[in-house]
Amino acid sequence: MGKLVRDRIPEIIRRNGGDPAVTVLGETEYRAALRDKLFEEAGELAEATPEEVAGEIADVLEVLRALAAVHGHGWADIERVSLAKREERGGFTDRLYLR
């Protein structure tokens, strides 16, 4: 079973004596792999220790940046939409839990 990896992972594997089998995905497969990767990284974040949280958030962010790009959105676009939603609906700083 394969998985989407960061661009330099094959290089790192080779440098450590490995011989990775790598395929470049087409557009449809790439989008699906990014969605799968998002769930993988979110699961790792959910299980992270306090010391690991920042690194796992960074991994989720990198996948989100790639998803935005593959759907034709620059990160500034995402920030604008996020700000508009925050202004309309608020954020999560009040820790409100709807029952």
PDB file of N, CA and C in Angstrom:
ATOM      1  N   MET A   1       0.839  -1.182   0.000  1.00  0.00           N
ATOM      2  CA  MET A   1       0.000   0.000   0.000  1.00  0.00           C
ATOM      3  C   MET A   1       0.882   1.243   0.000  1.00  0.00           C
ATOM      4  N   GLY A   2       0.614   2.159  -0.887  1.00  0.00           N
ATOM      5  CA  GLY A   2       1.400   3.377  -0.977  1.00  0.00           C
ATOM      6  C   GLY A   2       0.720   4.539  -0.293  1.00  0.00           C
ATOM      7  N   LYS A   3       1.434   5.638  -0.237  1.00  0.00           N
ATOM      8  CA  LYS A   3       0.852   6.853   0.322  1.00  0.00           C
ATOM      9  C   LYS A   3       1.583   8.055  -0.233  1.00  0.00           C
ATOM     10  N   LEU A   4       0.909   9.170  -0.207  1.00  0.00           N
ATOM     11  CA  LEU A   4       1.499  10.430  -0.626  1.00  0.00           C
ATOM     12  C   LEU A   4       2.542  10.845   0.401  1.00  0.00           C
ATOM     13  N   VAL A   5       3.712  11.262  -0.092  1.00  0.00           N
ATOM     14  CA  VAL A   5       4.782  11.707   0.799  1.00  0.00           C
ATOM     15  C   VAL A   5       5.274  13.072   0.358  1.00  0.00           C
ATOM     16  N   ARG A   6       5.936  13.761   1.267  1.00  0.00           N
ATOM     17  CA  ARG A   6       6.534  15.055   0.941  1.00  0.00           C
ATOM     18  C   ARG A   6       7.589  14.865  -0.149  1.00  0.00           C
ATOM     19  N   ASP A   7       7.833  15.932  -0.904  1.00  0.00           N
ATOM     20  CA  ASP A   7       8.671  15.887  -2.106  1.00  0.00           C
ATOM     21  C   ASP A   7      10.088  15.363  -1.874  1.00  0.00           C
ATOM     22  N   ARG A   8      10.665  15.622  -0.739  1.00  0.00           N
ATOM     23  CA  ARG A   8      12.061  15.241  -0.518  1.00  0.00           C
ATOM     24  C   ARG A   8      12.218  13.883   0.159  1.00  0.00           C
ATOM     25  N   ILE A   9      11.131  13.206   0.484  1.00  0.00           N
ATOM     26  CA  ILE A   9      11.213  11.911   1.172  1.00  0.00           C
ATOM     27  C   ILE A   9      11.971  10.874   0.351  1.00  0.00           C
ATOM     28  N   PRO A  10      11.723  10.726  -0.956  1.00  0.00           N
ATOM     29  CA  PRO A  10      12.521   9.745  -1.714  1.00  0.00           C
ATOM     30  C   PRO A  10      14.021  10.040  -1.644  1.00  0.00           C
ATOM     31  N   GLU A  11      14.394  11.305  -1.728  1.00  0.00           N
ATOM     32  CA  GLU A  11      15.796  11.709  -1.629  1.00  0.00           C
ATOM     33  C   GLU A  11      16.378  11.304  -0.268  1.00  0.00           C
ATOM     34  N   ILE A  12      15.611  11.525   0.787  1.00  0.00           N
ATOM     35  CA  ILE A  12      16.068  11.160   2.133  1.00  0.00           C
ATOM     36  C   ILE A  12      16.221   9.648   2.255  1.00  0.00           C
ATOM     37  N   ILE A  13      15.291   8.899   1.692  1.00  0.00           N
ATOM     38  CA  ILE A  13      15.374   7.435   1.717  1.00  0.00           C
ATOM     39  C   ILE A  13      16.625   6.969   0.979  1.00  0.00           C
ATOM     40  N   ARG A  14      16.888   7.543  -0.198  1.00  0.00           N
ATOM     41  CA  ARG A  14      18.087   7.178  -0.965  1.00  0.00           C
ATOM     42  C   ARG A  14      19.360   7.494  -0.195  1.00  0.00           C
ATOM     43  N   ARG A  15      19.393   8.662   0.432  1.00  0.00           N
ATOM     44  CA  ARG A  15      20.565   9.077   1.198  1.00  0.00           C
ATOM     45  C   ARG A  15      20.846   8.108   2.348  1.00  0.00           C
ATOM     46  N   ASN A  16      19.788   7.468   2.840  1.00  0.00           N
ATOM     47  CA  ASN A  16      19.928   6.495   3.924  1.00  0.00           C
ATOM     48  C   ASN A  16      20.071   5.067   3.414  1.00  0.00           C
ATOM     49  N   GLY A  17      20.365   4.918   2.115  1.00  0.00           N
ATOM     50  CA  GLY A  17      20.640   3.603   1.553  1.00  0.00           C
ATOM     51  C   GLY A  17      19.457   2.863   0.990  1.00  0.00           C
ATOM     52  N   GLY A  18      18.286   3.463   0.992  1.00  0.00           N
ATOM     53  CA  GLY A  18      17.096   2.801   0.465  1.00  0.00           C
ATOM     54  C   GLY A  18      16.928   3.031  -1.021  1.00  0.00           C
ATOM     55  N   ASP A  19      15.977   2.319  -1.595  1.00  0.00           N
ATOM     56  CA  ASP A  19      15.668   2.433  -3.019  1.00  0.00           C
ATOM     57  C   ASP A  19      14.150   2.556  -3.166  1.00  0.00           C
ATOM     58  N   PRO A  20      13.605   3.772  -2.977  1.00  0.00           N
ATOM     59  CA  PRO A  20      12.150   3.926  -2.987  1.00  0.00           C
ATOM     60  C   PRO A  20      11.554   3.757  -4.376  1.00  0.00           C
ATOM     61  N   ALA A  21      10.403   3.129  -4.424  1.00  0.00           N
ATOM     62  CA  ALA A  21       9.630   3.020  -5.659  1.00  0.00           C
ATOM     63  C   ALA A  21       8.636   4.182  -5.645  1.00  0.00           C
ATOM     64  N   VAL A  22       8.779   5.097  -6.598  1.00  0.00           N
ATOM     65  CA  VAL A  22       7.996   6.330  -6.605  1.00  0.00           C
ATOM     66  C   VAL A  22       7.219   6.440  -7.909  1.00  0.00           C
ATOM     67  N   THR A  23       5.978   6.892  -7.804  1.00  0.00           N
ATOM     68  CA  THR A  23       5.121   7.164  -8.952  1.00  0.00           C
ATOM     69  C   THR A  23       4.623   8.596  -8.837  1.00  0.00           C
ATOM     70  N   VAL A  24       4.539   9.293  -9.958  1.00  0.00           N
ATOM     71  CA  VAL A  24       3.955  10.627  -9.972  1.00  0.00           C
ATOM     72  C   VAL A  24       2.472  10.469 -10.287  1.00  0.00           C
ATOM     73  N   LEU A  25       1.623  11.003  -9.429  1.00  0.00           N
ATOM     74  CA  LEU A  25       0.183  10.849  -9.576  1.00  0.00           C
ATOM     75  C   LEU A  25      -0.395  11.823 -10.593  1.00  0.00           C
ATOM     76  N   GLY A  26      -1.442  11.388 -11.267  1.00  0.00           N
ATOM     77  CA  GLY A  26      -2.219  12.275 -12.119  1.00  0.00           C
ATOM     78  C   GLY A  26      -3.108  13.151 -11.249  1.00  0.00           C
ATOM     79  N   GLU A  27      -3.785  14.086 -11.865  1.00  0.00           N
ATOM     80  CA  GLU A  27      -4.604  15.075 -11.147  1.00  0.00           C
ATOM     81  C   GLU A  27      -5.657  14.435 -10.254  1.00  0.00           C
ATOM     82  N   THR A  28      -6.434  13.513 -10.777  1.00  0.00           N
ATOM     83  CA  THR A  28      -7.510  12.889  -9.999  1.00  0.00           C
ATOM     84  C   THR A  28      -6.956  12.090  -8.837  1.00  0.00           C
ATOM     85  N   GLU A  29      -5.915  11.305  -9.101  1.00  0.00           N
ATOM     86  CA  GLU A  29      -5.307  10.498  -8.043  1.00  0.00           C
ATOM     87  C   GLU A  29      -4.653  11.383  -6.983  1.00  0.00           C
ATOM     88  N   TYR A  30      -4.043  12.484  -7.416  1.00  0.00           N
ATOM     89  CA  TYR A  30      -3.400  13.409  -6.489  1.00  0.00           C
ATOM     90  C   TYR A  30      -4.420  14.029  -5.535  1.00  0.00           C
ATOM     91  N   ARG A  31      -5.541  14.470  -6.069  1.00  0.00           N
ATOM     92  CA  ARG A  31      -6.586  15.052  -5.219  1.00  0.00           C
ATOM     93  C   ARG A  31      -7.076  14.039  -4.191  1.00  0.00           C
ATOM     94  N   ALA A  32      -7.298  12.810  -4.623  1.00  0.00           N
ATOM     95  CA  ALA A  32      -7.747  11.761  -3.697  1.00  0.00           C
ATOM     96  C   ALA A  32      -6.673  11.463  -2.656  1.00  0.00           C
ATOM     97  N   ALA A  33      -5.417  11.417  -3.086  1.00  0.00           N
ATOM     98  CA  ALA A  33      -4.318  11.142  -2.158  1.00  0.00           C
ATOM     99  C   ALA A  33      -4.164  12.268  -1.137  1.00  0.00           C
ATOM    100  N   LEU A  34      -4.387  13.498  -1.556  1.00  0.00           N
ATOM    101  CA  LEU A  34      -4.327  14.618  -0.616  1.00  0.00           C
ATOM    102  C   LEU A  34      -5.429  14.528   0.428  1.00  0.00           C
ATOM    103  N   ARG A  35      -6.635  14.144   0.000  1.00  0.00           N
ATOM    104  CA  ARG A  35      -7.724  13.978   0.978  1.00  0.00           C
ATOM    105  C   ARG A  35      -7.379  12.873   1.967  1.00  0.00           C
ATOM    106  N   ASP A  36      -6.848  11.761   1.470  1.00  0.00           N
ATOM    107  CA  ASP A  36      -6.426  10.669   2.354  1.00  0.00           C
ATOM    108  C   ASP A  36      -5.339  11.136   3.310  1.00  0.00           C
ATOM    109  N   LYS A  37      -4.393  11.919   2.785  1.00  0.00           N
ATOM    110  CA  LYS A  37      -3.283  12.418   3.602  1.00  0.00           C
ATOM    111  C   LYS A  37      -3.794  13.351   4.693  1.00  0.00           C
ATOM    112  N   LEU A  38      -4.805  14.150   4.382  1.00  0.00           N
ATOM    113  CA  LEU A  38      -5.372  15.045   5.380  1.00  0.00           C
ATOM    114  C   LEU A  38      -5.927  14.244   6.557  1.00  0.00           C
ATOM    115  N   PHE A  39      -6.661  13.179   6.266  1.00  0.00           N
ATOM    116  CA  PHE A  39      -7.197  12.344   7.344  1.00  0.00           C
ATOM    117  C   PHE A  39      -6.071  11.656   8.122  1.00  0.00           C
ATOM    118  N   GLU A  40      -5.047  11.199   7.417  1.00  0.00           N
ATOM    119  CA  GLU A  40      -3.892  10.576   8.082  1.00  0.00           C
ATOM    120  C   GLU A  40      -3.241  11.568   9.052  1.00  0.00           C
ATOM    121  N   GLU A  41      -2.974  12.770   8.561  1.00  0.00           N
ATOM    122  CA  GLU A  41      -2.305  13.764   9.393  1.00  0.00           C
ATOM    123  C   GLU A  41      -3.199  14.237  10.538  1.00  0.00           C
ATOM    124  N   ALA A  42      -4.498  14.365  10.295  1.00  0.00           N
ATOM    125  CA  ALA A  42      -5.421  14.748  11.368  1.00  0.00           C
ATOM    126  C   ALA A  42      -5.447  13.677  12.453  1.00  0.00           C
ATOM    127  N   GLY A  43      -5.395  12.415  12.060  1.00  0.00           N
ATOM    128  CA  GLY A  43      -5.338  11.323  13.034  1.00  0.00           C
ATOM    129  C   GLY A  43      -4.065  11.379  13.856  1.00  0.00           C
ATOM    130  N   GLU A  44      -2.948  11.682  13.197  1.00  0.00           N
ATOM    131  CA  GLU A  44      -1.680  11.811  13.924  1.00  0.00           C
ATOM    132  C   GLU A  44      -1.735  12.986  14.889  1.00  0.00           C
ATOM    133  N   LEU A  45      -2.370  14.075  14.493  1.00  0.00           N
ATOM    134  CA  LEU A  45      -2.527  15.224  15.378  1.00  0.00           C
ATOM    135  C   LEU A  45      -3.369  14.847  16.595  1.00  0.00           C
ATOM    136  N   ALA A  46      -4.432  14.104  16.364  1.00  0.00           N
ATOM    137  CA  ALA A  46      -5.299  13.690  17.469  1.00  0.00           C
ATOM    138  C   ALA A  46      -4.558  12.834  18.492  1.00  0.00           C
ATOM    139  N   GLU A  47      -3.566  12.085  18.039  1.00  0.00           N
ATOM    140  CA  GLU A  47      -2.814  11.189  18.919  1.00  0.00           C
ATOM    141  C   GLU A  47      -1.509  11.796  19.429  1.00  0.00           C
ATOM    142  N   ALA A  48      -1.186  13.014  19.019  1.00  0.00           N
ATOM    143  CA  ALA A  48       0.109  13.624  19.329  1.00  0.00           C
ATOM    144  C   ALA A  48       0.246  13.962  20.814  1.00  0.00           C
ATOM    145  N   THR A  49       1.473  13.850  21.279  1.00  0.00           N
ATOM    146  CA  THR A  49       1.794  14.328  22.623  1.00  0.00           C
ATOM    147  C   THR A  49       1.897  15.847  22.564  1.00  0.00           C
ATOM    148  N   PRO A  50       1.871  16.520  23.704  1.00  0.00           N
ATOM    149  CA  PRO A  50       2.013  17.982  23.680  1.00  0.00           C
ATOM    150  C   PRO A  50       3.277  18.445  22.948  1.00  0.00           C
ATOM    151  N   GLU A  51       4.346  17.691  23.043  1.00  0.00           N
ATOM    152  CA  GLU A  51       5.592  18.057  22.362  1.00  0.00           C
ATOM    153  C   GLU A  51       5.502  17.879  20.850  1.00  0.00           C
ATOM    154  N   GLU A  52       4.629  17.024  20.385  1.00  0.00           N
ATOM    155  CA  GLU A  52       4.494  16.730  18.955  1.00  0.00           C
ATOM    156  C   GLU A  52       3.444  17.585  18.245  1.00  0.00           C
ATOM    157  N   VAL A  53       2.600  18.278  19.000  1.00  0.00           N
ATOM    158  CA  VAL A  53       1.452  18.981  18.425  1.00  0.00           C
ATOM    159  C   VAL A  53       1.859  19.975  17.341  1.00  0.00           C
ATOM    160  N   ALA A  54       2.868  20.814  17.594  1.00  0.00           N
ATOM    161  CA  ALA A  54       3.246  21.826  16.599  1.00  0.00           C
ATOM    162  C   ALA A  54       3.666  21.179  15.280  1.00  0.00           C
ATOM    163  N   GLY A  55       4.433  20.114  15.342  1.00  0.00           N
ATOM    164  CA  GLY A  55       4.852  19.429  14.127  1.00  0.00           C
ATOM    165  C   GLY A  55       3.693  18.811  13.379  1.00  0.00           C
ATOM    166  N   GLU A  56       2.740  18.257  14.104  1.00  0.00           N
ATOM    167  CA  GLU A  56       1.571  17.650  13.451  1.00  0.00           C
ATOM    168  C   GLU A  56       0.660  18.719  12.849  1.00  0.00           C
ATOM    169  N   ILE A  57       0.521  19.858  13.532  1.00  0.00           N
ATOM    170  CA  ILE A  57      -0.252  20.961  12.943  1.00  0.00           C
ATOM    171  C   ILE A  57       0.430  21.433  11.662  1.00  0.00           C
ATOM    172  N   ALA A  58       1.755  21.499  11.670  1.00  0.00           N
ATOM    173  CA  ALA A  58       2.497  21.899  10.467  1.00  0.00           C
ATOM    174  C   ALA A  58       2.242  20.927   9.322  1.00  0.00           C
ATOM    175  N   ASP A  59       2.159  19.623   9.623  1.00  0.00           N
ATOM    176  CA  ASP A  59       1.875  18.631   8.586  1.00  0.00           C
ATOM    177  C   ASP A  59       0.473  18.829   8.009  1.00  0.00           C
ATOM    178  N   VAL A  60      -0.515  19.064   8.882  1.00  0.00           N
ATOM    179  CA  VAL A  60      -1.881  19.317   8.418  1.00  0.00           C
ATOM    180  C   VAL A  60      -1.908  20.572   7.546  1.00  0.00           C
ATOM    181  N   LEU A  61      -1.213  21.618   7.987  1.00  0.00           N
ATOM    182  CA  LEU A  61      -1.165  22.866   7.228  1.00  0.00           C
ATOM    183  C   LEU A  61      -0.563  22.652   5.839  1.00  0.00           C
ATOM    184  N   GLU A  62       0.496  21.864   5.743  1.00  0.00           N
ATOM    185  CA  GLU A  62       1.129  21.610   4.440  1.00  0.00           C
ATOM    186  C   GLU A  62       0.166  20.907   3.492  1.00  0.00           C
ATOM    187  N   VAL A  63      -0.619  19.956   4.018  1.00  0.00           N
ATOM    188  CA  VAL A  63      -1.615  19.266   3.185  1.00  0.00           C
ATOM    189  C   VAL A  63      -2.706  20.256   2.764  1.00  0.00           C
ATOM    190  N   LEU A  64      -3.145  21.106   3.681  1.00  0.00           N
ATOM    191  CA  LEU A  64      -4.172  22.097   3.341  1.00  0.00           C
ATOM    192  C   LEU A  64      -3.683  23.060   2.264  1.00  0.00           C
ATOM    193  N   ARG A  65      -2.422  23.467   2.343  1.00  0.00           N
ATOM    194  CA  ARG A  65      -1.856  24.341   1.308  1.00  0.00           C
ATOM    195  C   ARG A  65      -1.875  23.646  -0.057  1.00  0.00           C
ATOM    196  N   ALA A  66      -1.519  22.370  -0.070  1.00  0.00           N
ATOM    197  CA  ALA A  66      -1.517  21.617  -1.328  1.00  0.00           C
ATOM    198  C   ALA A  66      -2.938  21.446  -1.864  1.00  0.00           C
ATOM    199  N   LEU A  67      -3.890  21.176  -0.980  1.00  0.00           N
ATOM    200  CA  LEU A  67      -5.291  21.058  -1.407  1.00  0.00           C
ATOM    201  C   LEU A  67      -5.804  22.371  -1.990  1.00  0.00           C
ATOM    202  N   ALA A  68      -5.474  23.475  -1.352  1.00  0.00           N
ATOM    203  CA  ALA A  68      -5.887  24.774  -1.880  1.00  0.00           C
ATOM    204  C   ALA A  68      -5.320  24.971  -3.276  1.00  0.00           C
ATOM    205  N   ALA A  69      -4.030  24.701  -3.438  1.00  0.00           N
ATOM    206  CA  ALA A  69      -3.370  24.907  -4.731  1.00  0.00           C
ATOM    207  C   ALA A  69      -3.959  24.024  -5.818  1.00  0.00           C
ATOM    208  N   VAL A  70      -4.203  22.763  -5.514  1.00  0.00           N
ATOM    209  CA  VAL A  70      -4.717  21.841  -6.535  1.00  0.00           C
ATOM    210  C   VAL A  70      -6.145  22.205  -6.953  1.00  0.00           C
ATOM    211  N   HIS A  71      -6.838  22.944  -6.096  1.00  0.00           N
ATOM    212  CA  HIS A  71      -8.184  23.406  -6.441  1.00  0.00           C
ATOM    213  C   HIS A  71      -8.182  24.841  -6.968  1.00  0.00           C
ATOM    214  N   GLY A  72      -6.975  25.366  -7.249  1.00  0.00           N
ATOM    215  CA  GLY A  72      -6.861  26.668  -7.891  1.00  0.00           C
ATOM    216  C   GLY A  72      -6.933  27.864  -6.956  1.00  0.00           C
ATOM    217  N   HIS A  73      -6.704  27.657  -5.665  1.00  0.00           N
ATOM    218  CA  HIS A  73      -6.762  28.749  -4.696  1.00  0.00           C
ATOM    219  C   HIS A  73      -5.377  29.035  -4.138  1.00  0.00           C
ATOM    220  N   GLY A  74      -5.011  30.297  -4.149  1.00  0.00           N
ATOM    221  CA  GLY A  74      -3.794  30.695  -3.457  1.00  0.00           C
ATOM    222  C   GLY A  74      -4.065  30.734  -1.963  1.00  0.00           C
ATOM    223  N   TRP A  75      -2.994  30.665  -1.163  1.00  0.00           N
ATOM    224  CA  TRP A  75      -3.208  30.658   0.282  1.00  0.00           C
ATOM    225  C   TRP A  75      -3.841  31.969   0.744  1.00  0.00           C
ATOM    226  N   ALA A  76      -3.548  33.069   0.085  1.00  0.00           N
ATOM    227  CA  ALA A  76      -4.165  34.343   0.442  1.00  0.00           C
ATOM    228  C   ALA A  76      -5.692  34.280   0.258  1.00  0.00           C
ATOM    229  N   ASP A  77      -6.152  33.553  -0.775  1.00  0.00           N
ATOM    230  CA  ASP A  77      -7.592  33.355  -0.971  1.00  0.00           C
ATOM    231  C   ASP A  77      -8.202  32.656   0.240  1.00  0.00           C
ATOM    232  N   ILE A  78      -7.538  31.626   0.708  1.00  0.00           N
ATOM    233  CA  ILE A  78      -8.038  30.846   1.839  1.00  0.00           C
ATOM    234  C   ILE A  78      -8.081  31.717   3.093  1.00  0.00           C
ATOM    235  N   GLU A  79      -7.045  32.521   3.286  1.00  0.00           N
ATOM    236  CA  GLU A  79      -7.010  33.421   4.441  1.00  0.00           C
ATOM    237  C   GLU A  79      -8.168  34.424   4.383  1.00  0.00           C
ATOM    238  N   ARG A  80      -8.474  34.953   3.201  1.00  0.00           N
ATOM    239  CA  ARG A  80      -9.586  35.903   3.053  1.00  0.00           C
ATOM    240  C   ARG A  80     -10.915  35.242   3.399  1.00  0.00           C
ATOM    241  N   VAL A  81     -11.129  34.034   2.882  1.00  0.00           N
ATOM    242  CA  VAL A  81     -12.374  33.314   3.168  1.00  0.00           C
ATOM    243  C   VAL A  81     -12.459  33.001   4.664  1.00  0.00           C
ATOM    244  N   SER A  82     -11.342  32.598   5.236  1.00  0.00           N
ATOM    245  CA  SER A  82     -11.304  32.286   6.666  1.00  0.00           C
ATOM    246  C   SER A  82     -11.664  33.513   7.507  1.00  0.00           C
ATOM    247  N   LEU A  83     -11.092  34.652   7.163  1.00  0.00           N
ATOM    248  CA  LEU A  83     -11.377  35.885   7.896  1.00  0.00           C
ATOM    249  C   LEU A  83     -12.850  36.268   7.765  1.00  0.00           C
ATOM    250  N   ALA A  84     -13.392  36.161   6.569  1.00  0.00           N
ATOM    251  CA  ALA A  84     -14.806  36.493   6.359  1.00  0.00           C
ATOM    252  C   ALA A  84     -15.704  35.576   7.189  1.00  0.00           C
ATOM    253  N   LYS A  85     -15.392  34.286   7.224  1.00  0.00           N
ATOM    254  CA  LYS A  85     -16.189  33.342   8.018  1.00  0.00           C
ATOM    255  C   LYS A  85     -16.044  33.640   9.511  1.00  0.00           C
ATOM    256  N   ARG A  86     -14.836  34.003   9.928  1.00  0.00           N
ATOM    257  CA  ARG A  86     -14.603  34.337  11.334  1.00  0.00           C
ATOM    258  C   ARG A  86     -15.397  35.582  11.724  1.00  0.00           C
ATOM    259  N   GLU A  87     -15.409  36.579  10.827  1.00  0.00           N
ATOM    260  CA  GLU A  87     -16.159  37.807  11.113  1.00  0.00           C
ATOM    261  C   GLU A  87     -17.662  37.543  11.164  1.00  0.00           C
ATOM    262  N   GLU A  88     -18.161  36.665  10.294  1.00  0.00           N
ATOM    263  CA  GLU A  88     -19.593  36.372  10.244  1.00  0.00           C
ATOM    264  C   GLU A  88     -20.035  35.440  11.367  1.00  0.00           C
ATOM    265  N   ARG A  89     -19.242  34.386  11.618  1.00  0.00           N
ATOM    266  CA  ARG A  89     -19.663  33.321  12.528  1.00  0.00           C
ATOM    267  C   ARG A  89     -18.831  33.226  13.799  1.00  0.00           C
ATOM    268  N   GLY A  90     -17.705  33.926  13.831  1.00  0.00           N
ATOM    269  CA  GLY A  90     -16.801  33.840  14.971  1.00  0.00           C
ATOM    270  C   GLY A  90     -15.768  32.756  14.762  1.00  0.00           C
ATOM    271  N   GLY A  91     -14.890  32.641  15.747  1.00  0.00           N
ATOM    272  CA  GLY A  91     -13.860  31.604  15.712  1.00  0.00           C
ATOM    273  C   GLY A  91     -14.197  30.524  16.722  1.00  0.00           C
ATOM    274  N   PHE A  92     -13.182  30.007  17.387  1.00  0.00           N
ATOM    275  CA  PHE A  92     -13.386  28.967  18.387  1.00  0.00           C
ATOM    276  C   PHE A  92     -12.759  29.336  19.724  1.00  0.00           C
ATOM    277  N   THR A  93     -12.429  30.614  19.891  1.00  0.00           N
ATOM    278  CA  THR A  93     -11.727  31.023  21.103  1.00  0.00           C
ATOM    279  C   THR A  93     -12.587  30.968  22.361  1.00  0.00           C
ATOM    280  N   ASP A  94     -13.903  31.066  22.231  1.00  0.00           N
ATOM    281  CA  ASP A  94     -14.788  31.032  23.405  1.00  0.00           C
ATOM    282  C   ASP A  94     -15.064  29.619  23.895  1.00  0.00           C
ATOM    283  N   ARG A  95     -14.591  28.621  23.152  1.00  0.00           N
ATOM    284  CA  ARG A  95     -14.719  27.207  23.560  1.00  0.00           C
ATOM    285  C   ARG A  95     -16.176  26.760  23.724  1.00  0.00           C
ATOM    286  N   LEU A  96     -17.068  27.296  22.925  1.00  0.00           N
ATOM    287  CA  LEU A  96     -18.491  26.973  23.027  1.00  0.00           C
ATOM    288  C   LEU A  96     -18.765  25.595  22.465  1.00  0.00           C
ATOM    289  N   TYR A  97     -19.592  24.836  23.189  1.00  0.00           N
ATOM    290  CA  TYR A  97     -19.953  23.467  22.798  1.00  0.00           C
ATOM    291  C   TYR A  97     -21.474  23.396  22.768  1.00  0.00           C
ATOM    292  N   LEU A  98     -22.044  23.213  21.582  1.00  0.00           N
ATOM    293  CA  LEU A  98     -23.494  23.191  21.409  1.00  0.00           C
ATOM    294  C   LEU A  98     -24.042  21.802  21.727  1.00  0.00           C
ATOM    295  N   ARG A  99     -24.993  21.756  22.631  1.00  0.00           N
ATOM    296  CA  ARG A  99     -25.596  20.462  23.026  1.00  0.00           C
ATOM    297  C   ARG A  99     -26.941  20.282  22.382  1.00  0.00           C
TER     298      ARG A  99
END
